[in-house]
Amino acid sequence: MDFLRDPIWQFIGVIVSAIGIVLSLIITANSEKNKVRPFFVKTLFFAFLIITLILTGMVLKFASANSPNLSFLSIATPRTVSPLSQAQAMLRQYFDKINKRNYCDAYDMWAPNSSSCQEFSQGFLTTGHIDITFDSTQSTLSSDGKVYLTQHVTNKNGDNANEPTVYHGWFVVEQENGIWKIKSGYFN
């Protein structure tokens, strides 16, 4: 029922409610004057029904034409996320942890861990920030688990302080018990 959060559906709800309120006021005003005629009430009801159907049809046509994820047969069908997208999301989290200086959390994303967290964090002493971009030509996770990316590393001190150094390469990733882990990497 997430589609009900869509502004189009909320707009339709407001329109239908407004029409209902106006009709209620008209019928109430006429009933107080004892001038309620069955023909008038039926006409008003059918006008309300026709307007509601037209508006609903317009919204459904607009929504289905402009939202590729909305179809009447698959509203409850969850979208599947590709293994490449999942791996890229994990790598974004990895670099986010490094940029926030949560080195032990980033270290835990490696499997197997060949060094200690302290040794791992020593490798980032001069690192100021790392921005990453994924290879836009990669559309699927390769059979060997490689995710290709570029790192733009800004050092916080030294001769090249605040000048990004660019590294091209890849990480090998795979799932262990449903959790994505980094197995190895190569950058030059």
N, C-alpha and C. Protein backbone atom coordinates (compact mmCIF):
# COMPACT_ATOMS: atom_id res chain seq x y z
N MET A 1 0.81 -1.19 0.00
CA MET A 1 0.00 0.00 0.00
C MET A 1 0.86 1.27 0.00
N ASP A 2 2.17 1.14 -0.30
CA ASP A 2 3.03 2.31 -0.34
C ASP A 2 2.60 3.30 -1.41
N PHE A 3 1.92 2.82 -2.45
CA PHE A 3 1.52 3.72 -3.52
C PHE A 3 0.55 4.78 -3.02
N LEU A 4 -0.10 4.54 -1.86
CA LEU A 4 -1.01 5.54 -1.31
C LEU A 4 -0.27 6.74 -0.75
N ARG A 5 1.04 6.63 -0.59
CA ARG A 5 1.84 7.77 -0.14
C ARG A 5 2.18 8.69 -1.30
N ASP A 6 1.92 8.24 -2.51
CA ASP A 6 2.18 9.03 -3.70
C ASP A 6 1.29 10.27 -3.70
N PRO A 7 1.83 11.46 -4.01
CA PRO A 7 1.04 12.69 -4.02
C PRO A 7 -0.17 12.62 -4.95
N ILE A 8 -0.09 11.86 -6.02
CA ILE A 8 -1.23 11.75 -6.94
C ILE A 8 -2.42 11.11 -6.23
N TRP A 9 -2.15 10.02 -5.51
CA TRP A 9 -3.23 9.34 -4.79
C TRP A 9 -3.79 10.23 -3.68
N GLN A 10 -2.92 10.98 -3.03
CA GLN A 10 -3.39 11.89 -1.98
C GLN A 10 -4.25 12.99 -2.59
N PHE A 11 -3.86 13.48 -3.77
CA PHE A 11 -4.65 14.51 -4.45
C PHE A 11 -6.04 13.97 -4.80
N ILE A 12 -6.09 12.76 -5.33
CA ILE A 12 -7.39 12.16 -5.68
C ILE A 12 -8.25 12.03 -4.44
N GLY A 13 -7.64 11.65 -3.32
CA GLY A 13 -8.39 11.52 -2.08
C GLY A 13 -8.97 12.84 -1.63
N VAL A 14 -8.21 13.92 -1.78
CA VAL A 14 -8.70 15.25 -1.41
C VAL A 14 -9.86 15.66 -2.31
N ILE A 15 -9.73 15.41 -3.61
CA ILE A 15 -10.80 15.78 -4.55
C ILE A 15 -12.08 15.01 -4.23
N VAL A 16 -11.97 13.71 -4.03
CA VAL A 16 -13.15 12.90 -3.72
C VAL A 16 -13.78 13.35 -2.41
N SER A 17 -12.96 13.63 -1.41
CA SER A 17 -13.49 14.10 -0.13
C SER A 17 -14.18 15.45 -0.27
N ALA A 18 -13.58 16.35 -1.04
CA ALA A 18 -14.18 17.67 -1.24
C ALA A 18 -15.54 17.55 -1.93
N ILE A 19 -15.61 16.71 -2.95
CA ILE A 19 -16.89 16.51 -3.64
C ILE A 19 -17.91 15.92 -2.69
N GLY A 20 -17.50 14.97 -1.87
CA GLY A 20 -18.42 14.37 -0.90
C GLY A 20 -18.95 15.39 0.10
N ILE A 21 -18.08 16.29 0.56
CA ILE A 21 -18.50 17.32 1.51
C ILE A 21 -19.49 18.27 0.86
N VAL A 22 -19.20 18.71 -0.37
CA VAL A 22 -20.11 19.62 -1.08
C VAL A 22 -21.47 18.96 -1.28
N LEU A 23 -21.46 17.71 -1.69
CA LEU A 23 -22.73 16.99 -1.88
C LEU A 23 -23.50 16.88 -0.57
N SER A 24 -22.81 16.58 0.50
CA SER A 24 -23.47 16.48 1.80
C SER A 24 -24.10 17.80 2.20
N LEU A 25 -23.39 18.90 1.97
CA LEU A 25 -23.92 20.22 2.31
C LEU A 25 -25.15 20.55 1.48
N ILE A 26 -25.11 20.22 0.19
CA ILE A 26 -26.26 20.50 -0.68
C ILE A 26 -27.48 19.69 -0.24
N ILE A 27 -27.28 18.42 0.01
CA ILE A 27 -28.40 17.57 0.41
C ILE A 27 -28.94 18.01 1.76
N THR A 28 -28.06 18.34 2.70
CA THR A 28 -28.50 18.80 4.02
C THR A 28 -29.28 20.10 3.90
N ALA A 29 -28.79 21.03 3.09
CA ALA A 29 -29.48 22.31 2.92
C ALA A 29 -30.86 22.10 2.31
N ASN A 30 -30.96 21.23 1.35
CA ASN A 30 -32.26 20.98 0.70
C ASN A 30 -33.20 20.20 1.62
N SER A 31 -32.67 19.32 2.46
CA SER A 31 -33.55 18.56 3.34
C SER A 31 -34.13 19.44 4.43
N GLU A 32 -33.39 20.47 4.84
CA GLU A 32 -33.90 21.39 5.86
C GLU A 32 -35.05 22.24 5.33
N LYS A 33 -35.07 22.43 4.04
CA LYS A 33 -36.14 23.20 3.43
C LYS A 33 -37.28 22.30 2.97
N ASN A 34 -37.14 20.99 3.27
CA ASN A 34 -38.13 19.99 2.85
C ASN A 34 -38.32 19.98 1.34
N LYS A 35 -37.27 20.23 0.63
CA LYS A 35 -37.36 20.24 -0.82
C LYS A 35 -36.52 19.13 -1.44
N VAL A 36 -36.24 18.11 -0.70
CA VAL A 36 -35.44 17.02 -1.24
C VAL A 36 -36.29 16.24 -2.22
N ARG A 37 -35.78 16.17 -3.40
CA ARG A 37 -36.48 15.43 -4.44
C ARG A 37 -35.66 14.20 -4.78
N PRO A 38 -36.28 13.06 -4.87
CA PRO A 38 -35.52 11.84 -5.18
C PRO A 38 -34.73 11.96 -6.48
N PHE A 39 -35.30 12.61 -7.47
CA PHE A 39 -34.60 12.76 -8.74
C PHE A 39 -33.31 13.57 -8.56
N PHE A 40 -33.39 14.65 -7.77
CA PHE A 40 -32.24 15.50 -7.52
C PHE A 40 -31.14 14.72 -6.80
N VAL A 41 -31.50 13.95 -5.79
CA VAL A 41 -30.53 13.17 -5.02
C VAL A 41 -29.86 12.12 -5.91
N LYS A 42 -30.66 11.43 -6.73
CA LYS A 42 -30.08 10.42 -7.63
C LYS A 42 -29.15 11.07 -8.65
N THR A 43 -29.55 12.21 -9.18
CA THR A 43 -28.72 12.91 -10.16
C THR A 43 -27.39 13.33 -9.53
N LEU A 44 -27.47 13.87 -8.32
CA LEU A 44 -26.27 14.28 -7.61
C LEU A 44 -25.35 13.09 -7.33
N PHE A 45 -25.93 11.98 -6.92
CA PHE A 45 -25.16 10.78 -6.63
C PHE A 45 -24.45 10.29 -7.88
N PHE A 46 -25.16 10.21 -9.00
CA PHE A 46 -24.55 9.71 -10.23
C PHE A 46 -23.50 10.69 -10.77
N ALA A 47 -23.71 11.99 -10.59
CA ALA A 47 -22.70 12.96 -11.01
C ALA A 47 -21.43 12.77 -10.18
N PHE A 48 -21.61 12.59 -8.89
CA PHE A 48 -20.47 12.34 -8.00
C PHE A 48 -19.75 11.06 -8.42
N LEU A 49 -20.49 10.03 -8.71
CA LEU A 49 -19.91 8.75 -9.12
C LEU A 49 -19.14 8.88 -10.43
N ILE A 50 -19.70 9.57 -11.41
CA ILE A 50 -19.04 9.73 -12.71
C ILE A 50 -17.76 10.56 -12.57
N ILE A 51 -17.83 11.65 -11.80
CA ILE A 51 -16.64 12.48 -11.60
C ILE A 51 -15.54 11.67 -10.90
N THR A 52 -15.91 10.90 -9.91
CA THR A 52 -14.93 10.07 -9.20
C THR A 52 -14.29 9.04 -10.13
N LEU A 53 -15.10 8.39 -10.96
CA LEU A 53 -14.56 7.40 -11.90
C LEU A 53 -13.64 8.05 -12.93
N ILE A 54 -14.02 9.21 -13.43
CA ILE A 54 -13.17 9.91 -14.40
C ILE A 54 -11.84 10.29 -13.77
N LEU A 55 -11.89 10.88 -12.58
CA LEU A 55 -10.66 11.28 -11.91
C LEU A 55 -9.77 10.08 -11.58
N THR A 56 -10.38 9.01 -11.11
CA THR A 56 -9.62 7.80 -10.80
C THR A 56 -8.97 7.23 -12.06
N GLY A 57 -9.72 7.19 -13.15
CA GLY A 57 -9.17 6.72 -14.42
C GLY A 57 -7.99 7.56 -14.88
N MET A 58 -8.11 8.88 -14.73
CA MET A 58 -7.02 9.77 -15.13
C MET A 58 -5.78 9.51 -14.28
N VAL A 59 -5.98 9.36 -12.99
CA VAL A 59 -4.85 9.11 -12.09
C VAL A 59 -4.19 7.78 -12.42
N LEU A 60 -4.99 6.74 -12.63
CA LEU A 60 -4.42 5.43 -12.93
C LEU A 60 -3.67 5.45 -14.25
N LYS A 61 -4.21 6.12 -15.25
CA LYS A 61 -3.53 6.21 -16.54
C LYS A 61 -2.22 6.98 -16.39
N PHE A 62 -2.26 8.10 -15.68
CA PHE A 62 -1.06 8.90 -15.47
C PHE A 62 -0.03 8.11 -14.66
N ALA A 63 -0.47 7.48 -13.59
CA ALA A 63 0.46 6.76 -12.71
C ALA A 63 1.11 5.59 -13.43
N SER A 64 0.34 4.83 -14.19
CA SER A 64 0.93 3.67 -14.87
C SER A 64 1.84 4.10 -16.01
N ALA A 65 1.56 5.26 -16.64
CA ALA A 65 2.41 5.73 -17.72
C ALA A 65 3.71 6.33 -17.20
N ASN A 66 3.69 6.91 -16.00
CA ASN A 66 4.85 7.63 -15.48
C ASN A 66 5.59 6.90 -14.38
N SER A 67 5.14 5.75 -13.99
CA SER A 67 5.83 5.01 -12.94
C SER A 67 6.05 3.58 -13.39
N PRO A 68 7.27 3.26 -13.80
CA PRO A 68 7.54 1.91 -14.28
C PRO A 68 7.38 0.84 -13.20
N ASN A 69 7.41 1.24 -11.93
CA ASN A 69 7.30 0.27 -10.85
C ASN A 69 5.86 0.00 -10.45
N LEU A 70 4.90 0.73 -11.05
CA LEU A 70 3.51 0.55 -10.67
C LEU A 70 2.81 -0.24 -11.75
N SER A 71 2.34 -1.38 -11.40
CA SER A 71 1.49 -2.14 -12.28
C SER A 71 0.48 -2.85 -11.40
N PHE A 72 -0.69 -3.04 -11.93
CA PHE A 72 -1.77 -3.56 -11.11
C PHE A 72 -1.56 -5.02 -10.74
N LEU A 73 -0.71 -5.71 -11.49
CA LEU A 73 -0.46 -7.10 -11.17
C LEU A 73 0.72 -7.27 -10.22
N SER A 74 1.53 -6.24 -10.08
CA SER A 74 2.73 -6.41 -9.27
C SER A 74 2.86 -5.37 -8.16
N ILE A 75 1.78 -4.84 -7.69
CA ILE A 75 1.86 -3.85 -6.62
C ILE A 75 2.51 -4.46 -5.38
N ALA A 76 2.19 -5.69 -5.06
CA ALA A 76 2.72 -6.33 -3.86
C ALA A 76 4.04 -7.06 -4.12
N THR A 77 4.51 -7.09 -5.36
CA THR A 77 5.74 -7.80 -5.69
C THR A 77 6.94 -6.94 -5.32
N PRO A 78 7.81 -7.43 -4.46
CA PRO A 78 8.98 -6.63 -4.09
C PRO A 78 9.97 -6.56 -5.25
N ARG A 79 10.65 -5.44 -5.33
CA ARG A 79 11.68 -5.29 -6.35
C ARG A 79 12.91 -6.06 -5.92
N THR A 80 13.54 -6.71 -6.86
CA THR A 80 14.77 -7.42 -6.55
C THR A 80 15.95 -6.49 -6.84
N VAL A 81 16.95 -6.58 -6.01
CA VAL A 81 18.15 -5.77 -6.16
C VAL A 81 19.25 -6.69 -6.66
N SER A 82 19.93 -6.26 -7.71
CA SER A 82 20.96 -7.09 -8.32
C SER A 82 22.13 -7.30 -7.36
N PRO A 83 22.84 -8.40 -7.52
CA PRO A 83 24.03 -8.64 -6.69
C PRO A 83 25.05 -7.50 -6.82
N LEU A 84 25.20 -6.94 -8.03
CA LEU A 84 26.14 -5.84 -8.21
C LEU A 84 25.72 -4.63 -7.37
N SER A 85 24.43 -4.30 -7.38
CA SER A 85 23.94 -3.16 -6.59
C SER A 85 24.15 -3.40 -5.10
N GLN A 86 23.93 -4.64 -4.65
CA GLN A 86 24.15 -4.97 -3.24
C GLN A 86 25.62 -4.83 -2.88
N ALA A 87 26.49 -5.32 -3.75
CA ALA A 87 27.93 -5.24 -3.50
C ALA A 87 28.39 -3.78 -3.50
N GLN A 88 27.88 -2.99 -4.42
CA GLN A 88 28.26 -1.57 -4.46
C GLN A 88 27.76 -0.85 -3.21
N ALA A 89 26.58 -1.18 -2.75
CA ALA A 89 26.05 -0.57 -1.53
C ALA A 89 26.96 -0.91 -0.34
N MET A 90 27.42 -2.15 -0.27
CA MET A 90 28.32 -2.56 0.81
C MET A 90 29.63 -1.79 0.73
N LEU A 91 30.16 -1.60 -0.48
CA LEU A 91 31.41 -0.86 -0.63
C LEU A 91 31.23 0.62 -0.29
N ARG A 92 30.08 1.18 -0.58
CA ARG A 92 29.80 2.57 -0.17
C ARG A 92 29.82 2.67 1.37
N GLN A 93 29.22 1.67 2.03
CA GLN A 93 29.23 1.65 3.49
C GLN A 93 30.66 1.53 4.01
N TYR A 94 31.44 0.70 3.36
CA TYR A 94 32.83 0.50 3.75
C TYR A 94 33.60 1.83 3.73
N PHE A 95 33.51 2.55 2.62
CA PHE A 95 34.24 3.81 2.51
C PHE A 95 33.63 4.89 3.40
N ASP A 96 32.34 4.82 3.63
CA ASP A 96 31.70 5.76 4.56
C ASP A 96 32.26 5.56 5.97
N LYS A 97 32.44 4.31 6.36
CA LYS A 97 33.02 4.01 7.68
C LYS A 97 34.46 4.51 7.77
N ILE A 98 35.22 4.33 6.70
CA ILE A 98 36.60 4.83 6.69
C ILE A 98 36.61 6.36 6.80
N ASN A 99 35.75 7.03 6.04
CA ASN A 99 35.71 8.50 6.07
C ASN A 99 35.25 9.03 7.43
N LYS A 100 34.48 8.23 8.16
CA LYS A 100 34.05 8.63 9.51
C LYS A 100 35.02 8.16 10.58
N ARG A 101 36.14 7.58 10.15
CA ARG A 101 37.19 7.08 11.04
C ARG A 101 36.73 5.90 11.91
N ASN A 102 35.73 5.17 11.43
CA ASN A 102 35.27 3.94 12.11
C ASN A 102 36.03 2.76 11.49
N TYR A 103 37.33 2.76 11.71
CA TYR A 103 38.19 1.80 11.04
C TYR A 103 37.89 0.35 11.43
N CYS A 104 37.57 0.11 12.68
CA CYS A 104 37.29 -1.28 13.10
C CYS A 104 36.01 -1.80 12.45
N ASP A 105 35.01 -0.92 12.28
CA ASP A 105 33.79 -1.33 11.57
C ASP A 105 34.11 -1.65 10.11
N ALA A 106 34.96 -0.83 9.48
CA ALA A 106 35.36 -1.10 8.10
C ALA A 106 36.19 -2.38 8.03
N TYR A 107 37.03 -2.57 8.99
CA TYR A 107 37.88 -3.77 9.06
C TYR A 107 37.01 -5.05 9.13
N ASP A 108 35.92 -4.97 9.85
CA ASP A 108 35.03 -6.13 9.99
C ASP A 108 34.34 -6.50 8.68
N MET A 109 34.41 -5.64 7.68
CA MET A 109 33.78 -5.93 6.39
C MET A 109 34.69 -6.77 5.50
N TRP A 110 35.89 -7.05 5.96
CA TRP A 110 36.82 -7.91 5.24
C TRP A 110 36.69 -9.34 5.74
N ALA A 111 36.86 -10.29 4.85
CA ALA A 111 36.91 -11.70 5.24
C ALA A 111 37.87 -12.40 4.28
N PRO A 112 38.85 -13.05 4.72
CA PRO A 112 39.26 -13.16 6.12
C PRO A 112 40.04 -11.92 6.54
N ASN A 113 40.07 -11.66 7.82
CA ASN A 113 40.84 -10.55 8.37
C ASN A 113 42.25 -11.06 8.64
N SER A 114 43.21 -10.59 7.85
CA SER A 114 44.58 -11.11 7.98
C SER A 114 45.41 -10.31 8.97
N SER A 115 44.94 -9.15 9.36
CA SER A 115 45.68 -8.33 10.32
C SER A 115 44.72 -7.93 11.44
N SER A 116 45.21 -7.13 12.35
CA SER A 116 44.34 -6.64 13.42
C SER A 116 43.69 -5.33 12.99
N CYS A 117 42.67 -4.93 13.72
CA CYS A 117 42.01 -3.65 13.44
C CYS A 117 43.01 -2.51 13.59
N GLN A 118 43.89 -2.60 14.58
CA GLN A 118 44.87 -1.54 14.80
C GLN A 118 45.82 -1.43 13.61
N GLU A 119 46.28 -2.56 13.11
CA GLU A 119 47.16 -2.54 11.93
C GLU A 119 46.42 -2.00 10.71
N PHE A 120 45.16 -2.39 10.57
CA PHE A 120 44.33 -1.91 9.46
C PHE A 120 44.19 -0.39 9.51
N SER A 121 43.89 0.15 10.68
CA SER A 121 43.67 1.59 10.81
C SER A 121 44.96 2.39 10.58
N GLN A 122 46.14 1.78 10.82
CA GLN A 122 47.42 2.45 10.57
C GLN A 122 47.56 2.83 9.09
N GLY A 123 46.94 2.07 8.22
CA GLY A 123 47.02 2.35 6.79
C GLY A 123 46.28 3.60 6.37
N PHE A 124 45.49 4.18 7.27
CA PHE A 124 44.70 5.37 6.93
C PHE A 124 45.11 6.60 7.74
N LEU A 125 46.31 6.57 8.36
CA LEU A 125 46.75 7.68 9.20
C LEU A 125 46.81 9.01 8.45
N THR A 126 47.24 8.98 7.20
CA THR A 126 47.36 10.23 6.44
C THR A 126 46.18 10.48 5.52
N THR A 127 45.21 9.58 5.55
CA THR A 127 44.05 9.73 4.66
C THR A 127 43.08 10.74 5.22
N GLY A 128 42.74 11.73 4.40
CA GLY A 128 41.75 12.72 4.80
C GLY A 128 40.35 12.28 4.42
N HIS A 129 40.20 11.88 3.16
CA HIS A 129 38.86 11.49 2.67
C HIS A 129 39.03 10.65 1.41
N ILE A 130 38.09 9.72 1.21
CA ILE A 130 38.11 8.89 0.01
C ILE A 130 36.74 8.99 -0.65
N ASP A 131 36.73 9.44 -1.91
CA ASP A 131 35.52 9.42 -2.73
C ASP A 131 35.67 8.28 -3.72
N ILE A 132 34.56 7.61 -4.01
CA ILE A 132 34.63 6.50 -4.96
C ILE A 132 33.61 6.70 -6.07
N THR A 133 33.96 6.17 -7.23
CA THR A 133 33.03 6.09 -8.35
C THR A 133 33.14 4.68 -8.93
N PHE A 134 31.99 4.11 -9.21
CA PHE A 134 31.97 2.76 -9.77
C PHE A 134 32.07 2.84 -11.29
N ASP A 135 32.63 1.80 -11.87
CA ASP A 135 32.76 1.71 -13.31
C ASP A 135 31.36 1.63 -13.93
N SER A 136 30.99 2.64 -14.71
CA SER A 136 29.64 2.69 -15.27
C SER A 136 29.41 1.65 -16.36
N THR A 137 30.48 1.04 -16.87
CA THR A 137 30.31 0.02 -17.90
C THR A 137 30.02 -1.36 -17.31
N GLN A 138 30.21 -1.51 -16.00
CA GLN A 138 29.93 -2.79 -15.36
C GLN A 138 28.44 -2.87 -15.04
N SER A 139 27.76 -3.83 -15.64
CA SER A 139 26.31 -3.93 -15.43
C SER A 139 25.92 -5.12 -14.55
N THR A 140 26.84 -6.07 -14.38
CA THR A 140 26.56 -7.22 -13.52
C THR A 140 27.81 -7.54 -12.71
N LEU A 141 27.60 -8.24 -11.62
CA LEU A 141 28.73 -8.70 -10.83
C LEU A 141 29.39 -9.84 -11.59
N SER A 142 30.69 -9.70 -11.84
CA SER A 142 31.38 -10.72 -12.62
C SER A 142 31.42 -12.04 -11.86
N SER A 143 31.67 -13.12 -12.57
CA SER A 143 31.65 -14.45 -11.96
C SER A 143 32.75 -14.58 -10.89
N ASP A 144 33.81 -13.80 -11.01
CA ASP A 144 34.87 -13.85 -10.00
C ASP A 144 34.63 -12.88 -8.85
N GLY A 145 33.49 -12.18 -8.87
CA GLY A 145 33.11 -11.30 -7.76
C GLY A 145 33.77 -9.94 -7.78
N LYS A 146 34.34 -9.54 -8.91
CA LYS A 146 35.03 -8.25 -8.96
C LYS A 146 34.04 -7.10 -9.16
N VAL A 147 34.25 -6.04 -8.37
CA VAL A 147 33.52 -4.78 -8.52
C VAL A 147 34.57 -3.73 -8.84
N TYR A 148 34.45 -3.13 -10.02
CA TYR A 148 35.44 -2.16 -10.49
C TYR A 148 35.07 -0.75 -10.04
N LEU A 149 36.09 -0.02 -9.53
CA LEU A 149 35.84 1.33 -9.06
C LEU A 149 37.11 2.16 -9.09
N THR A 150 36.91 3.46 -8.92
CA THR A 150 38.02 4.41 -8.84
C THR A 150 37.94 5.09 -7.48
N GLN A 151 39.09 5.20 -6.83
CA GLN A 151 39.18 5.90 -5.54
C GLN A 151 39.89 7.23 -5.76
N HIS A 152 39.29 8.28 -5.21
CA HIS A 152 39.91 9.61 -5.20
C HIS A 152 40.28 9.89 -3.74
N VAL A 153 41.56 9.67 -3.41
CA VAL A 153 42.03 9.74 -2.03
C VAL A 153 42.69 11.09 -1.78
N THR A 154 42.17 11.80 -0.78
CA THR A 154 42.75 13.07 -0.37
C THR A 154 43.51 12.85 0.93
N ASN A 155 44.82 13.16 0.90
CA ASN A 155 45.64 13.03 2.10
C ASN A 155 45.53 14.30 2.93
N LYS A 156 45.62 14.13 4.25
CA LYS A 156 45.47 15.29 5.12
C LYS A 156 46.79 15.94 5.50
N ASN A 157 47.92 15.31 5.17
CA ASN A 157 49.20 15.95 5.42
C ASN A 157 50.23 15.40 4.44
N GLY A 158 51.40 15.98 4.46
CA GLY A 158 52.45 15.56 3.54
C GLY A 158 52.54 16.49 2.35
N ASP A 159 53.38 16.11 1.38
CA ASP A 159 53.60 16.95 0.20
C ASP A 159 52.34 17.10 -0.65
N ASN A 160 51.53 16.06 -0.70
CA ASN A 160 50.32 16.09 -1.54
C ASN A 160 49.06 16.34 -0.74
N ALA A 161 49.16 17.05 0.37
CA ALA A 161 47.99 17.30 1.23
C ALA A 161 46.91 18.02 0.43
N ASN A 162 45.71 17.56 0.59
CA ASN A 162 44.51 18.11 -0.05
C ASN A 162 44.48 17.96 -1.56
N GLU A 163 45.42 17.23 -2.12
CA GLU A 163 45.40 16.94 -3.55
C GLU A 163 45.00 15.48 -3.72
N PRO A 164 43.90 15.24 -4.42
CA PRO A 164 43.47 13.84 -4.56
C PRO A 164 44.41 13.01 -5.42
N THR A 165 44.62 11.80 -4.96
CA THR A 165 45.36 10.81 -5.73
C THR A 165 44.34 9.81 -6.24
N VAL A 166 44.43 9.47 -7.51
CA VAL A 166 43.43 8.60 -8.13
C VAL A 166 43.98 7.18 -8.25
N TYR A 167 43.18 6.22 -7.79
CA TYR A 167 43.54 4.80 -7.88
C TYR A 167 42.42 4.07 -8.61
N HIS A 168 42.80 3.32 -9.64
CA HIS A 168 41.84 2.50 -10.38
C HIS A 168 42.06 1.04 -9.99
N GLY A 169 40.97 0.30 -9.87
CA GLY A 169 41.12 -1.10 -9.53
C GLY A 169 39.81 -1.78 -9.24
N TRP A 170 39.87 -2.79 -8.38
CA TRP A 170 38.69 -3.59 -8.10
C TRP A 170 38.78 -4.22 -6.72
N PHE A 171 37.63 -4.58 -6.20
CA PHE A 171 37.52 -5.41 -5.00
C PHE A 171 36.84 -6.71 -5.41
N VAL A 172 37.27 -7.80 -4.82
CA VAL A 172 36.56 -9.06 -4.96
C VAL A 172 35.66 -9.18 -3.74
N VAL A 173 34.36 -9.37 -3.99
CA VAL A 173 33.39 -9.46 -2.91
C VAL A 173 32.59 -10.74 -3.06
N GLU A 174 32.05 -11.21 -1.95
CA GLU A 174 31.12 -12.35 -1.99
C GLU A 174 30.31 -12.36 -0.70
N GLN A 175 29.24 -13.10 -0.76
CA GLN A 175 28.39 -13.21 0.43
C GLN A 175 28.84 -14.37 1.30
N GLU A 176 28.86 -14.09 2.60
CA GLU A 176 29.10 -15.13 3.61
C GLU A 176 27.91 -15.13 4.54
N ASN A 177 27.16 -16.19 4.54
CA ASN A 177 25.96 -16.28 5.39
C ASN A 177 25.02 -15.10 5.17
N GLY A 178 24.87 -14.70 3.90
CA GLY A 178 23.96 -13.61 3.55
C GLY A 178 24.52 -12.22 3.76
N ILE A 179 25.78 -12.09 4.17
CA ILE A 179 26.40 -10.79 4.41
C ILE A 179 27.54 -10.60 3.41
N TRP A 180 27.52 -9.45 2.72
CA TRP A 180 28.58 -9.16 1.75
C TRP A 180 29.88 -8.85 2.48
N LYS A 181 30.96 -9.45 1.99
CA LYS A 181 32.29 -9.25 2.56
C LYS A 181 33.29 -8.96 1.43
N ILE A 182 34.35 -8.23 1.78
CA ILE A 182 35.43 -7.96 0.85
C ILE A 182 36.48 -9.06 1.02
N LYS A 183 36.82 -9.71 -0.07
CA LYS A 183 37.81 -10.79 -0.03
C LYS A 183 39.21 -10.30 -0.36
N SER A 184 39.32 -9.44 -1.38
CA SER A 184 40.62 -8.92 -1.77
C SER A 184 40.39 -7.68 -2.62
N GLY A 185 41.47 -7.02 -2.95
CA GLY A 185 41.37 -5.83 -3.78
C GLY A 185 42.69 -5.55 -4.47
N TYR A 186 42.60 -4.81 -5.54
CA TYR A 186 43.80 -4.40 -6.27
C TYR A 186 43.58 -2.99 -6.82
N PHE A 187 44.51 -2.07 -6.53
CA PHE A 187 44.43 -0.70 -7.03
C PHE A 187 45.81 -0.22 -7.42
N ASN A 188 45.87 0.56 -8.50
CA ASN A 188 47.15 1.15 -8.90
C ASN A 188 46.95 2.59 -9.32
